[in-house]
Amino acid sequence: MKDSAAASIVDRLMTDGPVFHAGGTRVWNALPDTLKLLAAHVNPGDRTLETGAGASTVIFTAAGAEHTAISPSADEHGRIRAYCESIGLDTSKLSFRAETSDAALPGLELDRPVNVAFIDGKHSFPHPTIDFHYVEQMLAVGGVLVLDDVPMPAVAVVYGFMQGSPDWRLIEVADHRAAAFEKLAKADPDDNWHLQPFNRGYPDYSFAPLSQRIRLTTHHRVRQSARKLRAQLPAGRRSTPGR
């Protein structure tokens, strides 16, 4: 969506102040710069997806995307659609799934890969991680994933993984809470956890009492040092099982 059109629809939302949530009594919309960030990456005809629904859904609709929003409240969906139509937006490409994302995403079949995705559904752990797991599989390489509410610890763990992964490039952060990432490569299908920067801290014994933590960490380091030493010795001098 062009900057002028994006600014216009965001301004309209700020002026109108539509109330979509909690039976039409609460506003839980993404912040203005986050909405502009979404609009900046969506083009007419894009395949888009979000967990959650609200003002962001209006942005995707205004951009002319083929959009799917997943949230459990059907009456919320009705209010969003009615608002879009009241301001002259075409809702023929807008669809809703009235389910929680953990129920809807595993069986969701889309006609083509997703160009832009927005994760802003349930924020209690482990829902942001579940959303990311399924959404990133649907996102095309070169596509953009926007992760909202990064300051929340349940969301921050996803942000931490993405920021350190070579498969993702951080584009920008809006409103100090919404992070946009470009997908650079498909995830490794194998369980190569040891290659992920996110796991460089292994082993993390922070769960253990201090005395045990020191003992476990020391034991691990001794074993690692012994393993490296054996690897450096000539084959004939390496210890063998049973010796």
C-alpha atoms as a PDB file:
ATOM      1  CA  MET A   1       0.000   0.000   0.000  1.00  0.00           C
ATOM      2  CA  LYS A   2       1.359   3.448  -0.866  1.00  0.00           C
ATOM      3  CA  ASP A   3       2.370   5.662   2.051  1.00  0.00           C
ATOM      4  CA  SER A   4      -0.390   8.201   1.393  1.00  0.00           C
ATOM      5  CA  ALA A   5      -3.084   5.534   1.270  1.00  0.00           C
ATOM      6  CA  ALA A   6      -1.696   3.851   4.389  1.00  0.00           C
ATOM      7  CA  ALA A   7      -1.626   7.132   6.292  1.00  0.00           C
ATOM      8  CA  SER A   8      -5.168   7.885   5.151  1.00  0.00           C
ATOM      9  CA  ILE A   9      -6.664   4.602   6.366  1.00  0.00           C
ATOM     10  CA  VAL A  10      -4.724   4.744   9.662  1.00  0.00           C
ATOM     11  CA  ASP A  11      -5.899   8.319  10.203  1.00  0.00           C
ATOM     12  CA  ARG A  12      -9.463   7.198   9.486  1.00  0.00           C
ATOM     13  CA  LEU A  13      -9.179   4.449  12.084  1.00  0.00           C
ATOM     14  CA  MET A  14      -7.784   6.882  14.650  1.00  0.00           C
ATOM     15  CA  THR A  15     -10.589   9.356  13.953  1.00  0.00           C
ATOM     16  CA  ASP A  16     -13.430   6.831  13.922  1.00  0.00           C
ATOM     17  CA  GLY A  17     -12.147   4.785  16.860  1.00  0.00           C
ATOM     18  CA  PRO A  18     -14.131   1.644  15.975  1.00  0.00           C
ATOM     19  CA  VAL A  19     -14.611  -0.752  18.891  1.00  0.00           C
ATOM     20  CA  PHE A  20     -14.367  -4.369  17.801  1.00  0.00           C
ATOM     21  CA  HIS A  21     -13.518  -6.448  20.847  1.00  0.00           C
ATOM     22  CA  ALA A  22     -15.179  -7.882  23.950  1.00  0.00           C
ATOM     23  CA  GLY A  23     -18.708  -7.531  22.625  1.00  0.00           C
ATOM     24  CA  GLY A  24     -17.977  -4.076  21.262  1.00  0.00           C
ATOM     25  CA  THR A  25     -16.783  -2.691  24.602  1.00  0.00           C
ATOM     26  CA  ARG A  26     -12.967  -2.851  24.375  1.00  0.00           C
ATOM     27  CA  VAL A  27     -10.248  -1.595  22.036  1.00  0.00           C
ATOM     28  CA  TRP A  28      -7.223  -3.880  21.637  1.00  0.00           C
ATOM     29  CA  ASN A  29      -5.908  -2.553  18.352  1.00  0.00           C
ATOM     30  CA  ALA A  30      -2.318  -2.395  17.149  1.00  0.00           C
ATOM     31  CA  LEU A  31      -0.743   1.056  17.532  1.00  0.00           C
ATOM     32  CA  PRO A  32      -0.672   3.549  14.617  1.00  0.00           C
ATOM     33  CA  ASP A  33       2.957   3.036  13.548  1.00  0.00           C
ATOM     34  CA  THR A  34       2.435  -0.720  13.665  1.00  0.00           C
ATOM     35  CA  LEU A  35      -0.575  -0.364  11.371  1.00  0.00           C
ATOM     36  CA  LYS A  36       1.497   1.795   9.005  1.00  0.00           C
ATOM     37  CA  LEU A  37       4.260  -0.816   9.120  1.00  0.00           C
ATOM     38  CA  LEU A  38       1.818  -3.504   8.041  1.00  0.00           C
ATOM     39  CA  ALA A  39       0.436  -1.305   5.280  1.00  0.00           C
ATOM     40  CA  ALA A  40       3.919  -0.570   3.969  1.00  0.00           C
ATOM     41  CA  HIS A  41       4.551  -4.242   3.235  1.00  0.00           C
ATOM     42  CA  VAL A  42       1.175  -5.302   1.805  1.00  0.00           C
ATOM     43  CA  ASN A  43       0.439  -5.035  -1.918  1.00  0.00           C
ATOM     44  CA  PRO A  44      -2.850  -5.588  -3.754  1.00  0.00           C
ATOM     45  CA  GLY A  45      -3.424  -9.295  -4.355  1.00  0.00           C
ATOM     46  CA  ASP A  46      -0.975 -10.449  -1.675  1.00  0.00           C
ATOM     47  CA  ARG A  47      -1.863 -13.556   0.340  1.00  0.00           C
ATOM     48  CA  THR A  48      -1.918 -12.476   3.962  1.00  0.00           C
ATOM     49  CA  LEU A  49      -2.643 -14.060   7.325  1.00  0.00           C
ATOM     50  CA  GLU A  50      -3.009 -12.923  10.912  1.00  0.00           C
ATOM     51  CA  THR A  51      -3.676 -14.440  14.290  1.00  0.00           C
ATOM     52  CA  GLY A  52      -5.968 -12.022  16.058  1.00  0.00           C
ATOM     53  CA  ALA A  53      -8.235  -9.466  14.399  1.00  0.00           C
ATOM     54  CA  GLY A  54      -9.049  -5.787  14.664  1.00  0.00           C
ATOM     55  CA  ALA A  55      -7.682  -2.587  13.133  1.00  0.00           C
ATOM     56  CA  SER A  56      -4.934  -4.651  11.500  1.00  0.00           C
ATOM     57  CA  THR A  57      -7.627  -6.585   9.621  1.00  0.00           C
ATOM     58  CA  VAL A  58      -8.920  -3.296   8.257  1.00  0.00           C
ATOM     59  CA  ILE A  59      -5.412  -2.456   7.023  1.00  0.00           C
ATOM     60  CA  PHE A  60      -5.039  -5.761   5.179  1.00  0.00           C
ATOM     61  CA  THR A  61      -8.496  -5.312   3.636  1.00  0.00           C
ATOM     62  CA  ALA A  62      -7.785  -1.731   2.571  1.00  0.00           C
ATOM     63  CA  ALA A  63      -4.575  -2.892   0.886  1.00  0.00           C
ATOM     64  CA  GLY A  64      -6.532  -5.270  -1.337  1.00  0.00           C
ATOM     65  CA  ALA A  65      -4.981  -8.424   0.080  1.00  0.00           C
ATOM     66  CA  GLU A  66      -6.531 -11.873   0.057  1.00  0.00           C
ATOM     67  CA  HIS A  67      -6.655 -12.009   3.811  1.00  0.00           C
ATOM     68  CA  THR A  68      -7.471 -14.557   6.508  1.00  0.00           C
ATOM     69  CA  ALA A  69      -7.864 -13.518  10.154  1.00  0.00           C
ATOM     70  CA  ILE A  70      -8.026 -16.128  12.902  1.00  0.00           C
ATOM     71  CA  SER A  71      -9.699 -15.322  16.224  1.00  0.00           C
ATOM     72  CA  PRO A  72     -12.388 -17.125  18.203  1.00  0.00           C
ATOM     73  CA  SER A  73     -15.050 -14.379  18.288  1.00  0.00           C
ATOM     74  CA  ALA A  74     -17.524 -14.488  15.385  1.00  0.00           C
ATOM     75  CA  ASP A  75     -19.349 -11.347  16.559  1.00  0.00           C
ATOM     76  CA  GLU A  76     -16.006  -9.519  16.518  1.00  0.00           C
ATOM     77  CA  HIS A  77     -15.603 -10.563  12.900  1.00  0.00           C
ATOM     78  CA  GLY A  78     -19.040  -9.189  12.080  1.00  0.00           C
ATOM     79  CA  ARG A  79     -18.150  -5.792  13.553  1.00  0.00           C
ATOM     80  CA  ILE A  80     -14.886  -5.631  11.634  1.00  0.00           C
ATOM     81  CA  ARG A  81     -16.536  -6.538   8.345  1.00  0.00           C
ATOM     82  CA  ALA A  82     -19.363  -4.054   8.938  1.00  0.00           C
ATOM     83  CA  TYR A  83     -16.879  -1.270   9.669  1.00  0.00           C
ATOM     84  CA  CYS A  84     -14.866  -2.055   6.518  1.00  0.00           C
ATOM     85  CA  GLU A  85     -18.011  -1.901   4.413  1.00  0.00           C
ATOM     86  CA  SER A  86     -19.173   1.308   6.111  1.00  0.00           C
ATOM     87  CA  ILE A  87     -16.030   3.112   4.905  1.00  0.00           C
ATOM     88  CA  GLY A  88     -16.294   1.682   1.409  1.00  0.00           C
ATOM     89  CA  LEU A  89     -13.781  -1.175   1.544  1.00  0.00           C
ATOM     90  CA  ASP A  90     -14.276  -4.295  -0.563  1.00  0.00           C
ATOM     91  CA  THR A  91     -14.496  -7.272   1.814  1.00  0.00           C
ATOM     92  CA  SER A  92     -14.850  -9.968  -0.864  1.00  0.00           C
ATOM     93  CA  LYS A  93     -11.267 -11.132  -0.249  1.00  0.00           C
ATOM     94  CA  LEU A  94     -11.567 -11.071   3.542  1.00  0.00           C
ATOM     95  CA  SER A  95     -12.217 -14.306   5.420  1.00  0.00           C
ATOM     96  CA  PHE A  96     -12.328 -15.197   9.101  1.00  0.00           C
ATOM     97  CA  ARG A  97     -11.781 -18.387  11.066  1.00  0.00           C
ATOM     98  CA  ALA A  98     -13.767 -18.347  14.308  1.00  0.00           C
ATOM     99  CA  GLU A  99     -11.353 -20.558  16.238  1.00  0.00           C
ATOM    100  CA  THR A 100      -8.347 -20.158  18.443  1.00  0.00           C
ATOM    101  CA  SER A 101      -5.166 -20.178  16.378  1.00  0.00           C
ATOM    102  CA  ASP A 102      -3.778 -23.333  18.002  1.00  0.00           C
ATOM    103  CA  ALA A 103      -6.884 -25.170  16.740  1.00  0.00           C
ATOM    104  CA  ALA A 104      -7.110 -23.486  13.322  1.00  0.00           C
ATOM    105  CA  LEU A 105      -3.511 -23.283  12.130  1.00  0.00           C
ATOM    106  CA  PRO A 106      -2.522 -26.987  12.050  1.00  0.00           C
ATOM    107  CA  GLY A 107      -5.218 -27.800   9.491  1.00  0.00           C
ATOM    108  CA  LEU A 108      -5.318 -24.474   7.661  1.00  0.00           C
ATOM    109  CA  GLU A 109      -4.904 -24.885   3.905  1.00  0.00           C
ATOM    110  CA  LEU A 110      -4.269 -21.788   1.831  1.00  0.00           C
ATOM    111  CA  ASP A 111      -4.210 -21.577  -1.939  1.00  0.00           C
ATOM    112  CA  ARG A 112      -0.653 -20.207  -2.033  1.00  0.00           C
ATOM    113  CA  PRO A 113       2.191 -19.107   0.242  1.00  0.00           C
ATOM    114  CA  VAL A 114       1.673 -16.101   2.477  1.00  0.00           C
ATOM    115  CA  ASN A 115       3.375 -12.804   1.592  1.00  0.00           C
ATOM    116  CA  VAL A 116       2.742 -10.944   4.850  1.00  0.00           C
ATOM    117  CA  ALA A 117       1.751 -12.384   8.230  1.00  0.00           C
ATOM    118  CA  PHE A 118       0.891 -10.731  11.527  1.00  0.00           C
ATOM    119  CA  ILE A 119       1.090 -12.605  14.838  1.00  0.00           C
ATOM    120  CA  ASP A 120      -1.072 -10.848  17.419  1.00  0.00           C
ATOM    121  CA  GLY A 121      -3.341 -13.538  18.844  1.00  0.00           C
ATOM    122  CA  LYS A 122      -3.230 -15.020  22.327  1.00  0.00           C
ATOM    123  CA  HIS A 123      -0.248 -13.718  24.264  1.00  0.00           C
ATOM    124  CA  SER A 124      -0.133 -16.312  27.041  1.00  0.00           C
ATOM    125  CA  PHE A 125       2.615 -18.909  26.736  1.00  0.00           C
ATOM    126  CA  PRO A 126       2.953 -21.006  24.574  1.00  0.00           C
ATOM    127  CA  HIS A 127       0.519 -19.453  22.066  1.00  0.00           C
ATOM    128  CA  PRO A 128       2.917 -16.976  20.379  1.00  0.00           C
ATOM    129  CA  THR A 129       5.390 -19.818  19.829  1.00  0.00           C
ATOM    130  CA  ILE A 130       2.671 -22.086  18.432  1.00  0.00           C
ATOM    131  CA  ASP A 131       1.525 -19.315  16.097  1.00  0.00           C
ATOM    132  CA  PHE A 132       5.080 -18.752  14.887  1.00  0.00           C
ATOM    133  CA  HIS A 133       5.660 -22.474  14.316  1.00  0.00           C
ATOM    134  CA  TYR A 134       2.732 -22.812  11.942  1.00  0.00           C
ATOM    135  CA  VAL A 135       2.700 -19.353  10.368  1.00  0.00           C
ATOM    136  CA  GLU A 136       6.357 -19.397   9.361  1.00  0.00           C
ATOM    137  CA  GLN A 137       5.780 -22.634   7.449  1.00  0.00           C
ATOM    138  CA  MET A 138       3.108 -20.888   5.359  1.00  0.00           C
ATOM    139  CA  LEU A 139       5.184 -17.753   4.769  1.00  0.00           C
ATOM    140  CA  ALA A 140       7.021 -17.510   1.450  1.00  0.00           C
ATOM    141  CA  VAL A 141      10.764 -16.925   1.389  1.00  0.00           C
ATOM    142  CA  GLY A 142      11.048 -13.163   0.952  1.00  0.00           C
ATOM    143  CA  GLY A 143       7.802 -12.679   2.855  1.00  0.00           C
ATOM    144  CA  VAL A 144       7.390 -10.500   5.930  1.00  0.00           C
ATOM    145  CA  LEU A 145       6.283 -11.566   9.391  1.00  0.00           C
ATOM    146  CA  VAL A 146       5.294  -8.892  11.897  1.00  0.00           C
ATOM    147  CA  LEU A 147       5.385  -9.939  15.536  1.00  0.00           C
ATOM    148  CA  ASP A 148       3.420  -7.698  17.899  1.00  0.00           C
ATOM    149  CA  ASP A 149       3.866  -7.107  21.654  1.00  0.00           C
ATOM    150  CA  VAL A 150       7.523  -8.107  21.773  1.00  0.00           C
ATOM    151  CA  PRO A 151       7.976  -6.752  25.351  1.00  0.00           C
ATOM    152  CA  MET A 152       5.770  -9.581  26.636  1.00  0.00           C
ATOM    153  CA  PRO A 153       8.027 -12.468  27.743  1.00  0.00           C
ATOM    154  CA  ALA A 154       5.888 -15.086  25.951  1.00  0.00           C
ATOM    155  CA  VAL A 155       6.414 -13.130  22.716  1.00  0.00           C
ATOM    156  CA  ALA A 156       9.993 -12.092  23.437  1.00  0.00           C
ATOM    157  CA  VAL A 157      11.178 -15.697  23.267  1.00  0.00           C
ATOM    158  CA  VAL A 158      10.011 -15.830  19.625  1.00  0.00           C
ATOM    159  CA  TYR A 159      11.666 -12.483  18.909  1.00  0.00           C
ATOM    160  CA  GLY A 160      14.905 -13.707  20.479  1.00  0.00           C
ATOM    161  CA  PHE A 161      14.936 -16.782  18.278  1.00  0.00           C
ATOM    162  CA  MET A 162      14.171 -14.831  15.089  1.00  0.00           C
ATOM    163  CA  GLN A 163      16.696 -12.085  15.790  1.00  0.00           C
ATOM    164  CA  GLY A 164      19.497 -14.641  16.175  1.00  0.00           C
ATOM    165  CA  SER A 165      18.494 -16.905  13.281  1.00  0.00           C
ATOM    166  CA  PRO A 166      20.224 -16.638   9.874  1.00  0.00           C
ATOM    167  CA  ASP A 167      16.837 -17.485   8.327  1.00  0.00           C
ATOM    168  CA  TRP A 168      15.403 -14.096   9.346  1.00  0.00           C
ATOM    169  CA  ARG A 169      16.355 -10.435   8.903  1.00  0.00           C
ATOM    170  CA  LEU A 170      14.996  -7.780  11.238  1.00  0.00           C
ATOM    171  CA  ILE A 171      13.566  -4.954   9.121  1.00  0.00           C
ATOM    172  CA  GLU A 172      12.381  -2.542  11.795  1.00  0.00           C
ATOM    173  CA  VAL A 173      10.587  -2.197  15.109  1.00  0.00           C
ATOM    174  CA  ALA A 174       7.510   0.026  15.342  1.00  0.00           C
ATOM    175  CA  ASP A 175       6.004   1.554  18.475  1.00  0.00           C
ATOM    176  CA  HIS A 176       8.754  -0.109  20.540  1.00  0.00           C
ATOM    177  CA  ARG A 177       6.805  -3.347  20.379  1.00  0.00           C
ATOM    178  CA  ALA A 178       6.094  -4.634  16.829  1.00  0.00           C
ATOM    179  CA  ALA A 179       8.994  -6.261  14.981  1.00  0.00           C
ATOM    180  CA  ALA A 180       8.952  -6.871  11.218  1.00  0.00           C
ATOM    181  CA  PHE A 181      11.186  -9.656   9.896  1.00  0.00           C
ATOM    182  CA  GLU A 182      11.928 -10.785   6.356  1.00  0.00           C
ATOM    183  CA  LYS A 183      12.118 -14.545   5.835  1.00  0.00           C
ATOM    184  CA  LEU A 184      15.415 -15.328   4.120  1.00  0.00           C
ATOM    185  CA  ALA A 185      15.280 -19.131   3.980  1.00  0.00           C
ATOM    186  CA  LYS A 186      13.163 -22.122   4.865  1.00  0.00           C
ATOM    187  CA  ALA A 187      13.685 -23.648   8.279  1.00  0.00           C
ATOM    188  CA  ASP A 188      15.986 -26.650   8.493  1.00  0.00           C
ATOM    189  CA  PRO A 189      13.711 -29.717   8.506  1.00  0.00           C
ATOM    190  CA  ASP A 190      16.232 -31.684  10.585  1.00  0.00           C
ATOM    191  CA  ASP A 191      16.595 -31.343  14.344  1.00  0.00           C
ATOM    192  CA  ASN A 192      19.915 -29.516  14.129  1.00  0.00           C
ATOM    193  CA  TRP A 193      19.340 -27.675  17.374  1.00  0.00           C
ATOM    194  CA  HIS A 194      23.075 -27.373  17.993  1.00  0.00           C
ATOM    195  CA  LEU A 195      23.431 -25.209  14.858  1.00  0.00           C
ATOM    196  CA  GLN A 196      20.867 -22.656  15.994  1.00  0.00           C
ATOM    197  CA  PRO A 197      22.342 -19.489  17.519  1.00  0.00           C
ATOM    198  CA  PHE A 198      19.389 -19.576  19.927  1.00  0.00           C
ATOM    199  CA  ASN A 199      20.910 -22.696  21.534  1.00  0.00           C
ATOM    200  CA  ARG A 200      24.458 -21.391  21.891  1.00  0.00           C
ATOM    201  CA  GLY A 201      23.894 -21.110  25.618  1.00  0.00           C
ATOM    202  CA  TYR A 202      23.671 -24.899  26.023  1.00  0.00           C
ATOM    203  CA  PRO A 203      23.857 -26.219  28.654  1.00  0.00           C
ATOM    204  CA  ASP A 204      21.853 -23.713  30.651  1.00  0.00           C
ATOM    205  CA  TYR A 205      21.735 -24.868  34.254  1.00  0.00           C
ATOM    206  CA  SER A 206      20.083 -21.702  35.569  1.00  0.00           C
ATOM    207  CA  PHE A 207      17.173 -23.837  36.791  1.00  0.00           C
ATOM    208  CA  ALA A 208      19.437 -25.544  39.355  1.00  0.00           C
ATOM    209  CA  PRO A 209      20.421 -24.208  42.800  1.00  0.00           C
ATOM    210  CA  LEU A 210      23.723 -22.330  42.720  1.00  0.00           C
ATOM    211  CA  SER A 211      25.848 -25.123  44.230  1.00  0.00           C
ATOM    212  CA  GLN A 212      24.480 -27.686  41.777  1.00  0.00           C
ATOM    213  CA  ARG A 213      24.767 -25.200  38.918  1.00  0.00           C
ATOM    214  CA  ILE A 214      28.496 -24.759  39.572  1.00  0.00           C
ATOM    215  CA  ARG A 215      29.055 -28.511  39.822  1.00  0.00           C
ATOM    216  CA  LEU A 216      27.077 -29.299  36.658  1.00  0.00           C
ATOM    217  CA  THR A 217      28.752 -26.528  34.666  1.00  0.00           C
ATOM    218  CA  THR A 218      32.212 -27.592  35.799  1.00  0.00           C
ATOM    219  CA  HIS A 219      31.498 -31.228  34.948  1.00  0.00           C
ATOM    220  CA  HIS A 220      30.300 -30.249  31.475  1.00  0.00           C
ATOM    221  CA  ARG A 221      33.398 -28.125  30.810  1.00  0.00           C
ATOM    222  CA  VAL A 222      35.736 -30.912  31.931  1.00  0.00           C
ATOM    223  CA  ARG A 223      34.007 -33.373  29.615  1.00  0.00           C
ATOM    224  CA  GLN A 224      34.180 -30.906  26.737  1.00  0.00           C
ATOM    225  CA  SER A 225      37.889 -30.308  27.315  1.00  0.00           C
ATOM    226  CA  ALA A 226      38.584 -34.048  27.460  1.00  0.00           C
ATOM    227  CA  ARG A 227      36.645 -34.600  24.252  1.00  0.00           C
ATOM    228  CA  LYS A 228      38.622 -31.887  22.434  1.00  0.00           C
ATOM    229  CA  LEU A 229      41.897 -33.320  23.702  1.00  0.00           C
ATOM    230  CA  ARG A 230      41.031 -36.817  22.476  1.00  0.00           C
ATOM    231  CA  ALA A 231      40.120 -35.398  19.090  1.00  0.00           C
ATOM    232  CA  GLN A 232      43.579 -33.820  18.806  1.00  0.00           C
ATOM    233  CA  LEU A 233      45.493 -37.011  19.667  1.00  0.00           C
ATOM    234  CA  PRO A 234      46.717 -39.402  16.937  1.00  0.00           C
ATOM    235  CA  ALA A 235      44.274 -42.234  16.322  1.00  0.00           C
ATOM    236  CA  GLY A 236      46.509 -44.832  17.953  1.00  0.00           C
ATOM    237  CA  ARG A 237      46.804 -42.923  21.193  1.00  0.00           C
ATOM    238  CA  ARG A 238      43.118 -42.210  21.671  1.00  0.00           C
ATOM    239  CA  SER A 239      41.486 -44.034  24.521  1.00  0.00           C
ATOM    240  CA  THR A 240      38.999 -46.697  23.524  1.00  0.00           C
ATOM    241  CA  PRO A 241      35.974 -48.011  25.378  1.00  0.00           C
ATOM    242  CA  GLY A 242      36.966 -50.420  28.112  1.00  0.00           C
ATOM    243  CA  ARG A 243      40.512 -49.120  28.528  1.00  0.00           C
END
